[in-house]
Amino acid sequence: MYLSLKQFHQLPKILVNGFLLSMLGVISSVNPVTAQTNKKPIPVCQAPNPGEYLLLVISPNKNNQEQLRRVLPAKTQSVVCTYLKDTVTRIGGFRKIEDANRWARYVKDSAGLSAIISTQPTGNTRPNNTRAQAENTAYKPRQLGNGFAVLVDYLKRPEMVKDVQSAVGGDVGFASYGQRPYLLAAYTTNQKDAYQTLQKLSDRGFFALIVDSRKVVLLRSIVSL
């Protein structure tokens, strides 16, 4: 049965209001479901394979990601993922640090986006068996300035400090990046020096990475055993 417009207006006001409210309820119930189905979580970045250098381009929004895609060769394999708290575009497959370095410069020059280079040791290098607690000196937390920070994931093994010191030939600090603790192997404004330090650490079997030093908080300037 259908009502004419005149008949609809003649209905009791309470029935009309109830009908309109029920229709509004149906309409409003559709939008949340649509929004939920369109939301896709960003996966966590896969770690680099042993001996691989990984390029993680900081690209927090779709505009950055599209800008990066425009400057990359068509066959480049990349994936958007999360690293610590950053949204990045992961580009892997580099076997030489020089290649990863050239790509990092290319992305910076052509798209204006910063990149992190990460690597994983090729062997199962074990730290020495000396059990000792890392003693922190000069506790003055501060954010580092412009430049490059070379960080080492010490795997909660303080005894690795001595090995890292030996690899870089100097003191090692203690820092925080992405709310995670790392050994600070080097802090420099010279990009070449930073990549040379990363290469030394990789050759010695350490899981190291280069990051924008402005995002690093120095917790201890020197860590000693």
N, C-alpha and C. Protein backbone atom coordinates (compact mmCIF):
# COMPACT_ATOMS: atom_id res chain seq x y z
N MET A 1 0.85 -1.18 0.00
CA MET A 1 0.00 0.00 0.00
C MET A 1 0.89 1.23 0.00
N TYR A 2 0.55 2.24 -0.84
CA TYR A 2 1.34 3.45 -0.95
C TYR A 2 0.51 4.64 -0.48
N LEU A 3 1.18 5.59 0.15
CA LEU A 3 0.51 6.80 0.63
C LEU A 3 0.82 7.95 -0.30
N SER A 4 -0.20 8.74 -0.57
CA SER A 4 0.04 9.97 -1.33
C SER A 4 0.68 10.99 -0.42
N LEU A 5 1.22 12.06 -1.01
CA LEU A 5 1.85 13.11 -0.21
C LEU A 5 0.86 13.72 0.75
N LYS A 6 -0.40 13.90 0.27
CA LYS A 6 -1.43 14.49 1.12
C LYS A 6 -1.73 13.58 2.30
N GLN A 7 -1.82 12.25 2.01
CA GLN A 7 -2.10 11.29 3.08
C GLN A 7 -0.96 11.22 4.09
N PHE A 8 0.29 11.33 3.57
CA PHE A 8 1.46 11.28 4.46
C PHE A 8 1.41 12.43 5.46
N HIS A 9 1.05 13.64 4.99
CA HIS A 9 0.99 14.80 5.88
C HIS A 9 -0.16 14.71 6.87
N GLN A 10 -1.19 13.88 6.55
CA GLN A 10 -2.32 13.74 7.44
C GLN A 10 -2.07 12.73 8.56
N LEU A 11 -0.97 11.96 8.47
CA LEU A 11 -0.64 11.01 9.51
C LEU A 11 -0.35 11.72 10.81
N PRO A 12 -0.58 11.07 11.94
CA PRO A 12 -0.24 11.69 13.24
C PRO A 12 1.24 12.05 13.28
N LYS A 13 1.53 13.19 13.89
CA LYS A 13 2.91 13.70 13.92
C LYS A 13 3.86 12.71 14.57
N ILE A 14 3.42 12.00 15.58
CA ILE A 14 4.30 11.06 16.29
C ILE A 14 4.75 9.92 15.39
N LEU A 15 3.82 9.51 14.45
CA LEU A 15 4.19 8.44 13.53
C LEU A 15 5.21 8.91 12.51
N VAL A 16 5.00 10.14 12.03
CA VAL A 16 5.94 10.70 11.05
C VAL A 16 7.34 10.85 11.65
N ASN A 17 7.41 11.40 12.86
CA ASN A 17 8.70 11.58 13.52
C ASN A 17 9.40 10.25 13.76
N GLY A 18 8.62 9.24 14.16
CA GLY A 18 9.20 7.92 14.39
C GLY A 18 9.76 7.32 13.12
N PHE A 19 9.01 7.52 12.01
CA PHE A 19 9.47 7.00 10.72
C PHE A 19 10.78 7.65 10.30
N LEU A 20 10.87 8.99 10.45
CA LEU A 20 12.08 9.70 10.07
C LEU A 20 13.28 9.30 10.92
N LEU A 21 13.02 9.12 12.21
CA LEU A 21 14.11 8.72 13.10
C LEU A 21 14.62 7.33 12.75
N SER A 22 13.72 6.44 12.40
CA SER A 22 14.14 5.09 12.05
C SER A 22 14.97 5.09 10.78
N MET A 23 14.59 5.95 9.81
CA MET A 23 15.36 6.05 8.56
C MET A 23 16.75 6.62 8.82
N LEU A 24 16.83 7.63 9.70
CA LEU A 24 18.13 8.20 10.05
C LEU A 24 19.03 7.17 10.71
N GLY A 25 18.42 6.31 11.53
CA GLY A 25 19.20 5.25 12.18
C GLY A 25 19.78 4.28 11.19
N VAL A 26 19.00 3.94 10.16
CA VAL A 26 19.50 3.03 9.13
C VAL A 26 20.64 3.64 8.35
N ILE A 27 20.47 4.93 7.99
CA ILE A 27 21.51 5.61 7.20
C ILE A 27 22.80 5.75 8.00
N SER A 28 22.67 6.16 9.28
CA SER A 28 23.88 6.38 10.09
C SER A 28 24.61 5.09 10.39
N SER A 29 23.90 3.97 10.35
CA SER A 29 24.55 2.70 10.67
C SER A 29 25.40 2.18 9.53
N VAL A 30 25.27 2.76 8.32
CA VAL A 30 26.01 2.27 7.16
C VAL A 30 27.43 2.81 7.14
N ASN A 31 27.60 4.08 7.47
CA ASN A 31 28.91 4.74 7.32
C ASN A 31 30.02 4.11 8.14
N PRO A 32 29.81 3.80 9.45
CA PRO A 32 30.91 3.20 10.23
C PRO A 32 31.40 1.91 9.64
N VAL A 33 30.50 1.07 9.11
CA VAL A 33 30.91 -0.20 8.54
C VAL A 33 31.79 0.03 7.33
N THR A 34 31.39 0.99 6.47
CA THR A 34 32.18 1.31 5.28
C THR A 34 33.56 1.81 5.66
N ALA A 35 33.63 2.67 6.70
CA ALA A 35 34.92 3.21 7.12
C ALA A 35 35.84 2.12 7.64
N GLN A 36 35.26 1.17 8.37
CA GLN A 36 36.09 0.10 8.94
C GLN A 36 36.64 -0.82 7.86
N THR A 37 35.82 -1.08 6.83
CA THR A 37 36.29 -2.00 5.78
C THR A 37 37.36 -1.37 4.92
N ASN A 38 37.35 -0.02 4.84
CA ASN A 38 38.36 0.67 4.01
C ASN A 38 39.68 0.86 4.75
N LYS A 39 39.70 0.63 6.05
CA LYS A 39 40.91 0.86 6.83
C LYS A 39 41.79 -0.38 6.81
N LYS A 40 43.00 -0.24 6.30
CA LYS A 40 43.92 -1.37 6.26
C LYS A 40 45.14 -1.06 7.12
N PRO A 41 45.47 -1.92 8.08
CA PRO A 41 46.64 -1.66 8.92
C PRO A 41 47.93 -1.76 8.12
N ILE A 42 48.89 -0.91 8.45
CA ILE A 42 50.19 -0.94 7.78
C ILE A 42 51.05 -2.00 8.44
N PRO A 43 51.61 -2.94 7.67
CA PRO A 43 52.40 -4.02 8.27
C PRO A 43 53.74 -3.53 8.81
N VAL A 44 54.32 -4.29 9.71
CA VAL A 44 55.65 -4.01 10.24
C VAL A 44 56.69 -4.41 9.19
N CYS A 45 57.73 -3.62 9.04
CA CYS A 45 58.75 -3.89 8.02
C CYS A 45 59.48 -5.21 8.31
N GLN A 46 59.71 -5.95 7.26
CA GLN A 46 60.49 -7.18 7.37
C GLN A 46 61.97 -6.83 7.53
N ALA A 47 62.66 -7.54 8.40
CA ALA A 47 64.07 -7.27 8.65
C ALA A 47 64.90 -7.62 7.41
N PRO A 48 66.06 -6.98 7.25
CA PRO A 48 66.92 -7.33 6.10
C PRO A 48 67.46 -8.74 6.21
N ASN A 49 67.70 -9.36 5.06
CA ASN A 49 68.35 -10.67 5.04
C ASN A 49 69.82 -10.52 5.40
N PRO A 50 70.47 -11.57 5.87
CA PRO A 50 71.90 -11.48 6.18
C PRO A 50 72.70 -11.00 4.97
N GLY A 51 73.53 -9.98 5.18
CA GLY A 51 74.36 -9.44 4.12
C GLY A 51 73.65 -8.45 3.21
N GLU A 52 72.37 -8.16 3.50
CA GLU A 52 71.60 -7.23 2.67
C GLU A 52 71.58 -5.85 3.30
N TYR A 53 71.66 -4.82 2.46
CA TYR A 53 71.50 -3.44 2.92
C TYR A 53 70.10 -2.98 2.53
N LEU A 54 69.41 -2.43 3.50
CA LEU A 54 68.01 -2.08 3.34
C LEU A 54 67.85 -0.56 3.36
N LEU A 55 67.04 -0.04 2.44
CA LEU A 55 66.76 1.39 2.40
C LEU A 55 65.33 1.60 2.89
N LEU A 56 65.17 2.37 3.95
CA LEU A 56 63.86 2.69 4.51
C LEU A 56 63.63 4.18 4.34
N VAL A 57 62.79 4.53 3.37
CA VAL A 57 62.54 5.94 3.05
C VAL A 57 61.39 6.44 3.90
N ILE A 58 61.63 7.51 4.66
CA ILE A 58 60.59 8.07 5.51
C ILE A 58 59.49 8.67 4.63
N SER A 59 58.31 8.05 4.66
CA SER A 59 57.19 8.51 3.81
C SER A 59 55.88 8.36 4.58
N PRO A 60 55.60 9.30 5.49
CA PRO A 60 54.48 9.15 6.42
C PRO A 60 53.09 9.28 5.81
N ASN A 61 52.97 9.87 4.63
CA ASN A 61 51.63 10.04 4.06
C ASN A 61 51.60 9.64 2.59
N LYS A 62 50.40 9.60 2.02
CA LYS A 62 50.23 9.13 0.64
C LYS A 62 50.91 10.04 -0.37
N ASN A 63 50.96 11.34 -0.06
CA ASN A 63 51.64 12.27 -0.97
C ASN A 63 53.13 11.94 -1.08
N ASN A 64 53.76 11.66 0.07
CA ASN A 64 55.18 11.27 0.08
C ASN A 64 55.39 9.98 -0.70
N GLN A 65 54.50 9.03 -0.48
CA GLN A 65 54.63 7.73 -1.13
C GLN A 65 54.47 7.83 -2.63
N GLU A 66 53.51 8.66 -3.08
CA GLU A 66 53.31 8.85 -4.51
C GLU A 66 54.48 9.61 -5.13
N GLN A 67 55.00 10.59 -4.39
CA GLN A 67 56.16 11.34 -4.85
C GLN A 67 57.37 10.43 -5.04
N LEU A 68 57.54 9.48 -4.12
CA LEU A 68 58.65 8.53 -4.22
C LEU A 68 58.46 7.59 -5.40
N ARG A 69 57.23 7.11 -5.60
CA ARG A 69 56.97 6.19 -6.71
C ARG A 69 57.27 6.84 -8.06
N ARG A 70 57.07 8.15 -8.15
CA ARG A 70 57.31 8.84 -9.43
C ARG A 70 58.79 8.88 -9.80
N VAL A 71 59.67 8.85 -8.80
CA VAL A 71 61.10 8.97 -9.09
C VAL A 71 61.81 7.62 -9.11
N LEU A 72 61.11 6.55 -8.68
CA LEU A 72 61.73 5.22 -8.69
C LEU A 72 61.50 4.55 -10.05
N PRO A 73 62.45 3.75 -10.49
CA PRO A 73 62.23 2.96 -11.71
C PRO A 73 61.01 2.07 -11.57
N ALA A 74 60.34 1.81 -12.68
CA ALA A 74 59.06 1.10 -12.67
C ALA A 74 59.16 -0.28 -12.03
N LYS A 75 60.29 -0.96 -12.19
CA LYS A 75 60.43 -2.34 -11.71
C LYS A 75 60.96 -2.42 -10.27
N THR A 76 61.12 -1.27 -9.62
CA THR A 76 61.63 -1.29 -8.25
C THR A 76 60.61 -1.93 -7.31
N GLN A 77 61.06 -2.91 -6.55
CA GLN A 77 60.19 -3.58 -5.58
C GLN A 77 60.23 -2.83 -4.25
N SER A 78 59.09 -2.31 -3.86
CA SER A 78 59.02 -1.54 -2.62
C SER A 78 57.71 -1.85 -1.92
N VAL A 79 57.69 -1.61 -0.61
CA VAL A 79 56.48 -1.85 0.17
C VAL A 79 56.40 -0.83 1.29
N VAL A 80 55.22 -0.32 1.55
CA VAL A 80 55.01 0.63 2.65
C VAL A 80 54.80 -0.17 3.94
N CYS A 81 55.56 0.17 4.98
CA CYS A 81 55.48 -0.56 6.24
C CYS A 81 55.88 0.37 7.38
N THR A 82 55.84 -0.14 8.59
CA THR A 82 56.21 0.67 9.75
C THR A 82 57.53 0.18 10.33
N TYR A 83 58.40 1.13 10.64
CA TYR A 83 59.67 0.83 11.30
C TYR A 83 59.72 1.66 12.57
N LEU A 84 59.73 0.98 13.72
CA LEU A 84 59.57 1.65 15.01
C LEU A 84 58.26 2.42 14.96
N LYS A 85 58.29 3.76 14.99
CA LYS A 85 57.04 4.53 14.92
C LYS A 85 56.92 5.29 13.61
N ASP A 86 57.81 5.04 12.68
CA ASP A 86 57.78 5.75 11.39
C ASP A 86 57.09 4.91 10.32
N THR A 87 56.37 5.58 9.43
CA THR A 87 55.86 4.93 8.23
C THR A 87 56.90 5.13 7.14
N VAL A 88 57.38 4.05 6.56
CA VAL A 88 58.48 4.11 5.59
C VAL A 88 58.14 3.30 4.36
N THR A 89 58.91 3.54 3.30
CA THR A 89 58.85 2.69 2.11
C THR A 89 60.12 1.85 2.09
N ARG A 90 59.94 0.54 2.13
CA ARG A 90 61.07 -0.39 2.23
C ARG A 90 61.56 -0.79 0.85
N ILE A 91 62.85 -0.54 0.59
CA ILE A 91 63.48 -0.93 -0.68
C ILE A 91 64.70 -1.78 -0.33
N GLY A 92 64.67 -3.05 -0.70
CA GLY A 92 65.75 -3.95 -0.33
C GLY A 92 66.52 -4.46 -1.53
N GLY A 93 67.42 -5.41 -1.25
CA GLY A 93 68.16 -6.05 -2.33
C GLY A 93 69.55 -5.51 -2.58
N PHE A 94 69.99 -4.52 -1.80
CA PHE A 94 71.33 -3.96 -2.01
C PHE A 94 72.37 -4.86 -1.35
N ARG A 95 73.42 -5.19 -2.08
CA ARG A 95 74.49 -6.04 -1.55
C ARG A 95 75.73 -5.24 -1.17
N LYS A 96 75.78 -3.98 -1.58
CA LYS A 96 76.91 -3.12 -1.25
C LYS A 96 76.40 -1.84 -0.61
N ILE A 97 77.10 -1.38 0.40
CA ILE A 97 76.68 -0.16 1.08
C ILE A 97 76.77 1.04 0.14
N GLU A 98 77.73 0.98 -0.81
CA GLU A 98 77.86 2.09 -1.76
C GLU A 98 76.60 2.24 -2.60
N ASP A 99 75.99 1.10 -2.99
CA ASP A 99 74.76 1.15 -3.78
C ASP A 99 73.60 1.75 -2.97
N ALA A 100 73.47 1.30 -1.73
CA ALA A 100 72.42 1.84 -0.86
C ALA A 100 72.63 3.33 -0.62
N ASN A 101 73.89 3.72 -0.48
CA ASN A 101 74.23 5.12 -0.26
C ASN A 101 73.84 5.97 -1.46
N ARG A 102 74.14 5.48 -2.66
CA ARG A 102 73.79 6.23 -3.89
C ARG A 102 72.28 6.39 -4.02
N TRP A 103 71.53 5.33 -3.68
CA TRP A 103 70.08 5.42 -3.76
C TRP A 103 69.52 6.38 -2.72
N ALA A 104 70.11 6.39 -1.53
CA ALA A 104 69.67 7.32 -0.49
C ALA A 104 69.86 8.76 -0.95
N ARG A 105 71.00 9.05 -1.58
CA ARG A 105 71.26 10.40 -2.10
C ARG A 105 70.30 10.74 -3.23
N TYR A 106 70.04 9.76 -4.10
CA TYR A 106 69.13 9.98 -5.23
C TYR A 106 67.72 10.32 -4.74
N VAL A 107 67.24 9.56 -3.75
CA VAL A 107 65.90 9.80 -3.20
C VAL A 107 65.83 11.17 -2.53
N LYS A 108 66.89 11.54 -1.84
CA LYS A 108 66.93 12.84 -1.17
C LYS A 108 66.93 13.98 -2.18
N ASP A 109 67.74 13.83 -3.23
CA ASP A 109 67.85 14.90 -4.23
C ASP A 109 66.61 15.02 -5.11
N SER A 110 66.02 13.89 -5.48
CA SER A 110 64.91 13.90 -6.43
C SER A 110 63.54 14.03 -5.78
N ALA A 111 63.38 13.50 -4.58
CA ALA A 111 62.08 13.54 -3.92
C ALA A 111 62.09 14.31 -2.60
N GLY A 112 63.27 14.67 -2.12
CA GLY A 112 63.36 15.42 -0.87
C GLY A 112 63.03 14.62 0.36
N LEU A 113 63.17 13.29 0.28
CA LEU A 113 62.81 12.41 1.40
C LEU A 113 64.07 11.79 2.02
N SER A 114 64.09 11.72 3.32
CA SER A 114 65.22 11.13 4.03
C SER A 114 65.06 9.62 4.12
N ALA A 115 66.20 8.94 4.24
CA ALA A 115 66.17 7.48 4.28
C ALA A 115 67.08 6.95 5.38
N ILE A 116 66.72 5.78 5.90
CA ILE A 116 67.52 5.05 6.87
C ILE A 116 68.12 3.85 6.16
N ILE A 117 69.39 3.59 6.41
CA ILE A 117 70.03 2.40 5.87
C ILE A 117 70.26 1.42 7.01
N SER A 118 69.80 0.20 6.81
CA SER A 118 69.93 -0.82 7.84
C SER A 118 70.57 -2.06 7.24
N THR A 119 71.25 -2.82 8.07
CA THR A 119 71.90 -4.04 7.60
C THR A 119 71.86 -5.09 8.70
N GLN A 120 72.16 -6.30 8.32
CA GLN A 120 72.21 -7.41 9.27
C GLN A 120 73.47 -8.22 9.00
N PRO A 121 74.12 -8.70 10.05
CA PRO A 121 75.36 -9.44 9.85
C PRO A 121 75.18 -10.70 9.01
N THR A 122 76.25 -11.06 8.29
CA THR A 122 76.19 -12.24 7.43
C THR A 122 76.46 -13.53 8.21
N GLY A 123 77.09 -13.42 9.35
CA GLY A 123 77.42 -14.61 10.15
C GLY A 123 76.88 -14.49 11.54
N ASN A 124 77.13 -15.50 12.35
CA ASN A 124 76.68 -15.50 13.74
C ASN A 124 77.82 -15.10 14.67
N THR A 125 78.28 -13.88 14.50
CA THR A 125 79.36 -13.39 15.36
C THR A 125 78.86 -13.25 16.79
N ARG A 126 79.55 -13.85 17.70
CA ARG A 126 79.14 -13.80 19.10
C ARG A 126 80.03 -12.84 19.87
N PRO A 127 79.47 -12.10 20.80
CA PRO A 127 80.28 -11.24 21.64
C PRO A 127 81.13 -12.06 22.59
N ASN A 128 82.16 -11.44 23.15
CA ASN A 128 83.01 -12.18 24.07
C ASN A 128 82.22 -12.57 25.32
N ASN A 129 82.78 -13.46 26.11
CA ASN A 129 82.05 -14.01 27.24
C ASN A 129 82.21 -13.21 28.52
N THR A 130 82.86 -12.07 28.43
CA THR A 130 83.05 -11.25 29.62
C THR A 130 81.71 -10.72 30.10
N ARG A 131 81.33 -11.10 31.29
CA ARG A 131 80.07 -10.63 31.84
C ARG A 131 80.34 -9.39 32.66
N ALA A 132 79.74 -8.30 32.25
CA ALA A 132 79.95 -7.04 32.97
C ALA A 132 78.74 -6.15 32.76
N GLN A 133 78.53 -5.25 33.63
CA GLN A 133 77.44 -4.30 33.51
C GLN A 133 77.97 -3.03 32.85
N ALA A 134 77.20 -2.50 31.91
CA ALA A 134 77.60 -1.26 31.25
C ALA A 134 77.42 -0.11 32.22
N GLU A 135 78.50 0.60 32.46
CA GLU A 135 78.44 1.72 33.39
C GLU A 135 78.28 3.00 32.59
N ASN A 136 77.25 3.75 32.85
CA ASN A 136 76.98 4.97 32.12
C ASN A 136 77.62 6.15 32.82
N THR A 137 78.30 6.96 32.04
CA THR A 137 78.94 8.15 32.60
C THR A 137 78.39 9.38 31.91
N ALA A 138 78.56 10.52 32.56
CA ALA A 138 78.12 11.82 32.01
C ALA A 138 76.66 11.77 31.58
N TYR A 139 75.78 11.55 32.54
CA TYR A 139 74.35 11.41 32.23
C TYR A 139 73.75 12.79 31.99
N LYS A 140 73.67 13.16 30.73
CA LYS A 140 73.08 14.44 30.32
C LYS A 140 72.24 14.21 29.06
N PRO A 141 71.02 13.72 29.21
CA PRO A 141 70.20 13.45 28.03
C PRO A 141 70.00 14.69 27.18
N ARG A 142 70.23 14.57 25.90
CA ARG A 142 70.02 15.70 24.99
C ARG A 142 69.79 15.17 23.58
N GLN A 143 69.06 15.94 22.83
CA GLN A 143 68.79 15.56 21.44
C GLN A 143 69.97 15.96 20.58
N LEU A 144 70.40 15.07 19.71
CA LEU A 144 71.50 15.38 18.83
C LEU A 144 71.07 16.38 17.76
N GLY A 145 72.03 17.07 17.18
CA GLY A 145 71.74 18.06 16.15
C GLY A 145 71.75 17.46 14.76
N ASN A 146 71.94 18.31 13.76
CA ASN A 146 71.97 17.85 12.37
C ASN A 146 73.13 16.89 12.15
N GLY A 147 72.90 15.91 11.28
CA GLY A 147 73.97 14.98 10.95
C GLY A 147 73.47 13.56 10.85
N PHE A 148 74.39 12.62 11.09
CA PHE A 148 74.10 11.20 10.95
C PHE A 148 74.54 10.46 12.21
N ALA A 149 73.67 9.58 12.69
CA ALA A 149 74.01 8.77 13.86
C ALA A 149 74.07 7.30 13.42
N VAL A 150 75.14 6.65 13.80
CA VAL A 150 75.30 5.22 13.52
C VAL A 150 75.00 4.47 14.81
N LEU A 151 73.94 3.67 14.78
CA LEU A 151 73.46 2.98 15.97
C LEU A 151 73.66 1.48 15.86
N VAL A 152 73.86 0.84 16.99
CA VAL A 152 74.03 -0.61 17.03
C VAL A 152 73.02 -1.20 18.01
N ASP A 153 72.28 -2.18 17.53
CA ASP A 153 71.36 -2.91 18.41
C ASP A 153 72.20 -3.88 19.24
N TYR A 154 72.31 -3.59 20.54
CA TYR A 154 73.20 -4.39 21.39
C TYR A 154 72.51 -5.60 22.01
N LEU A 155 71.21 -5.82 21.63
CA LEU A 155 70.50 -7.04 22.02
C LEU A 155 70.50 -7.26 23.53
N LYS A 156 70.51 -6.18 24.27
CA LYS A 156 70.51 -6.22 25.74
C LYS A 156 71.71 -7.00 26.29
N ARG A 157 72.83 -6.91 25.59
CA ARG A 157 74.06 -7.56 26.05
C ARG A 157 75.14 -6.50 26.25
N PRO A 158 75.27 -5.97 27.47
CA PRO A 158 76.22 -4.90 27.73
C PRO A 158 77.65 -5.26 27.34
N GLU A 159 77.97 -6.56 27.35
CA GLU A 159 79.35 -6.95 27.04
C GLU A 159 79.73 -6.64 25.60
N MET A 160 78.75 -6.30 24.76
CA MET A 160 79.04 -5.97 23.37
C MET A 160 79.74 -4.63 23.23
N VAL A 161 79.69 -3.81 24.29
CA VAL A 161 80.29 -2.48 24.24
C VAL A 161 81.76 -2.55 23.83
N LYS A 162 82.49 -3.47 24.46
CA LYS A 162 83.92 -3.59 24.18
C LYS A 162 84.17 -3.95 22.72
N ASP A 163 83.34 -4.82 22.14
CA ASP A 163 83.51 -5.21 20.74
C ASP A 163 83.21 -4.05 19.80
N VAL A 164 82.19 -3.27 20.13
CA VAL A 164 81.84 -2.11 19.29
C VAL A 164 82.95 -1.06 19.37
N GLN A 165 83.48 -0.85 20.57
CA GLN A 165 84.59 0.09 20.73
C GLN A 165 85.78 -0.33 19.87
N SER A 166 86.05 -1.63 19.86
CA SER A 166 87.15 -2.15 19.06
C SER A 166 86.90 -1.95 17.57
N ALA A 167 85.64 -2.12 17.15
CA ALA A 167 85.31 -1.99 15.73
C ALA A 167 85.45 -0.56 15.23
N VAL A 168 85.02 0.41 16.05
CA VAL A 168 85.07 1.81 15.62
C VAL A 168 86.34 2.51 16.04
N GLY A 169 87.11 1.87 16.95
CA GLY A 169 88.36 2.48 17.38
C GLY A 169 88.19 3.68 18.27
N GLY A 170 87.18 3.65 19.15
CA GLY A 170 86.96 4.80 20.04
C GLY A 170 85.83 4.53 21.02
N ASP A 171 85.43 5.60 21.73
CA ASP A 171 84.38 5.48 22.73
C ASP A 171 83.02 5.24 22.07
N VAL A 172 82.13 4.66 22.84
CA VAL A 172 80.77 4.36 22.39
C VAL A 172 79.79 4.98 23.38
N GLY A 173 78.74 5.61 22.86
CA GLY A 173 77.74 6.22 23.71
C GLY A 173 76.50 5.35 23.84
N PHE A 174 75.51 5.87 24.55
CA PHE A 174 74.25 5.18 24.76
C PHE A 174 73.14 6.14 24.37
N ALA A 175 72.23 5.70 23.48
CA ALA A 175 71.24 6.62 22.94
C ALA A 175 69.89 5.94 22.80
N SER A 176 68.87 6.78 22.55
CA SER A 176 67.52 6.29 22.34
C SER A 176 67.04 6.76 20.97
N TYR A 177 66.44 5.81 20.23
CA TYR A 177 65.87 6.15 18.92
C TYR A 177 64.56 5.38 18.77
N GLY A 178 63.47 6.11 18.51
CA GLY A 178 62.18 5.44 18.42
C GLY A 178 61.79 4.76 19.71
N GLN A 179 62.20 5.35 20.84
CA GLN A 179 61.92 4.81 22.18
C GLN A 179 62.56 3.44 22.40
N ARG A 180 63.64 3.17 21.67
CA ARG A 180 64.39 1.94 21.88
C ARG A 180 65.85 2.30 22.16
N PRO A 181 66.53 1.55 23.04
CA PRO A 181 67.92 1.86 23.36
C PRO A 181 68.89 1.29 22.33
N TYR A 182 69.94 2.03 22.03
CA TYR A 182 70.99 1.59 21.11
C TYR A 182 72.34 2.07 21.63
N LEU A 183 73.39 1.40 21.17
CA LEU A 183 74.74 1.94 21.37
C LEU A 183 74.99 2.94 20.24
N LEU A 184 75.52 4.08 20.61
CA LEU A 184 75.84 5.11 19.62
C LEU A 184 77.29 4.94 19.20
N ALA A 185 77.48 4.38 18.01
CA ALA A 185 78.84 4.10 17.53
C ALA A 185 79.49 5.34 16.93
N ALA A 186 78.70 6.22 16.35
CA ALA A 186 79.25 7.43 15.73
C ALA A 186 78.17 8.47 15.56
N TYR A 187 78.58 9.72 15.69
CA TYR A 187 77.71 10.86 15.40
C TYR A 187 78.54 11.87 14.63
N THR A 188 78.14 12.16 13.39
CA THR A 188 78.96 13.00 12.53
C THR A 188 78.08 13.74 11.53
N THR A 189 78.58 14.86 11.05
CA THR A 189 77.89 15.59 9.97
C THR A 189 78.43 15.17 8.60
N ASN A 190 79.46 14.32 8.62
CA ASN A 190 80.06 13.84 7.37
C ASN A 190 79.42 12.52 6.97
N GLN A 191 78.65 12.54 5.89
CA GLN A 191 77.93 11.34 5.47
C GLN A 191 78.88 10.20 5.12
N LYS A 192 79.99 10.51 4.49
CA LYS A 192 80.95 9.48 4.10
C LYS A 192 81.51 8.78 5.32
N ASP A 193 81.85 9.53 6.36
CA ASP A 193 82.37 8.93 7.59
C ASP A 193 81.33 8.01 8.23
N ALA A 194 80.06 8.43 8.20
CA ALA A 194 79.01 7.62 8.79
C ALA A 194 78.88 6.28 8.08
N TYR A 195 78.93 6.30 6.75
CA TYR A 195 78.79 5.05 6.00
C TYR A 195 80.02 4.15 6.15
N GLN A 196 81.18 4.75 6.31
CA GLN A 196 82.38 3.95 6.55
C GLN A 196 82.29 3.23 7.90
N THR A 197 81.75 3.93 8.90
CA THR A 197 81.57 3.31 10.22
C THR A 197 80.56 2.18 10.14
N LEU A 198 79.46 2.40 9.40
CA LEU A 198 78.46 1.34 9.22
C LEU A 198 79.08 0.12 8.55
N GLN A 199 79.94 0.35 7.58
CA GLN A 199 80.59 -0.75 6.88
C GLN A 199 81.48 -1.55 7.84
N LYS A 200 82.25 -0.86 8.68
CA LYS A 200 83.11 -1.53 9.65
C LYS A 200 82.29 -2.43 10.59
N LEU A 201 81.19 -1.88 11.06
CA LEU A 201 80.35 -2.63 11.99
C LEU A 201 79.71 -3.84 11.32
N SER A 202 79.27 -3.65 10.08
CA SER A 202 78.67 -4.76 9.35
C SER A 202 79.69 -5.87 9.10
N ASP A 203 80.92 -5.48 8.77
CA ASP A 203 81.97 -6.46 8.54
C ASP A 203 82.29 -7.26 9.79
N ARG A 204 82.08 -6.65 10.96
CA ARG A 204 82.36 -7.33 12.22
C ARG A 204 81.14 -8.09 12.75
N GLY A 205 80.03 -8.06 12.00
CA GLY A 205 78.86 -8.85 12.37
C GLY A 205 77.86 -8.17 13.28
N PHE A 206 77.83 -6.83 13.30
CA PHE A 206 76.88 -6.12 14.14
C PHE A 206 75.65 -5.70 13.33
N PHE A 207 74.50 -5.65 13.99
CA PHE A 207 73.27 -5.16 13.39
C PHE A 207 73.25 -3.65 13.60
N ALA A 208 73.62 -2.89 12.56
CA ALA A 208 73.77 -1.44 12.68
C ALA A 208 72.88 -0.73 11.68
N LEU A 209 72.63 0.55 11.94
CA LEU A 209 71.84 1.35 11.03
C LEU A 209 72.24 2.81 11.12
N ILE A 210 71.98 3.55 10.05
CA ILE A 210 72.24 4.98 10.00
C ILE A 210 70.90 5.70 10.03
N VAL A 211 70.79 6.71 10.90
CA VAL A 211 69.54 7.45 11.01
C VAL A 211 69.82 8.94 11.08
N ASP A 212 68.77 9.73 10.90
CA ASP A 212 68.84 11.17 11.06
C ASP A 212 69.11 11.46 12.53
N SER A 213 70.25 12.08 12.81
CA SER A 213 70.65 12.27 14.21
C SER A 213 69.71 13.20 14.99
N ARG A 214 68.91 13.98 14.28
CA ARG A 214 67.98 14.87 14.99
C ARG A 214 66.89 14.10 15.71
N LYS A 215 66.71 12.83 15.35
CA LYS A 215 65.70 12.00 15.99
C LYS A 215 66.29 11.11 17.09
N VAL A 216 67.54 11.35 17.41
CA VAL A 216 68.24 10.53 18.41
C VAL A 216 68.44 11.34 19.69
N VAL A 217 68.18 10.72 20.82
CA VAL A 217 68.42 11.34 22.12
C VAL A 217 69.63 10.67 22.75
N LEU A 218 70.66 11.45 23.03
CA LEU A 218 71.87 10.93 23.66
C LEU A 218 71.63 10.81 25.17
N LEU A 219 71.75 9.60 25.69
CA LEU A 219 71.52 9.36 27.11
C LEU A 219 72.82 9.39 27.89
N ARG A 220 73.87 8.79 27.33
CA ARG A 220 75.20 8.80 27.95
C ARG A 220 76.21 9.04 26.85
N SER A 221 77.14 9.93 27.10
CA SER A 221 78.14 10.26 26.08
C SER A 221 79.18 9.14 25.96
N ILE A 222 79.44 8.46 27.08
CA ILE A 222 80.42 7.37 27.07
C ILE A 222 79.88 6.20 27.89
N VAL A 223 79.95 5.01 27.33
CA VAL A 223 79.58 3.80 28.07
C VAL A 223 80.85 2.99 28.26
N SER A 224 81.14 2.65 29.49
CA SER A 224 82.35 1.89 29.79
C SER A 224 81.99 0.64 30.56
N LEU A 225 82.90 -0.32 30.56
CA LEU A 225 82.69 -1.59 31.28
C LEU A 225 83.36 -1.53 32.65
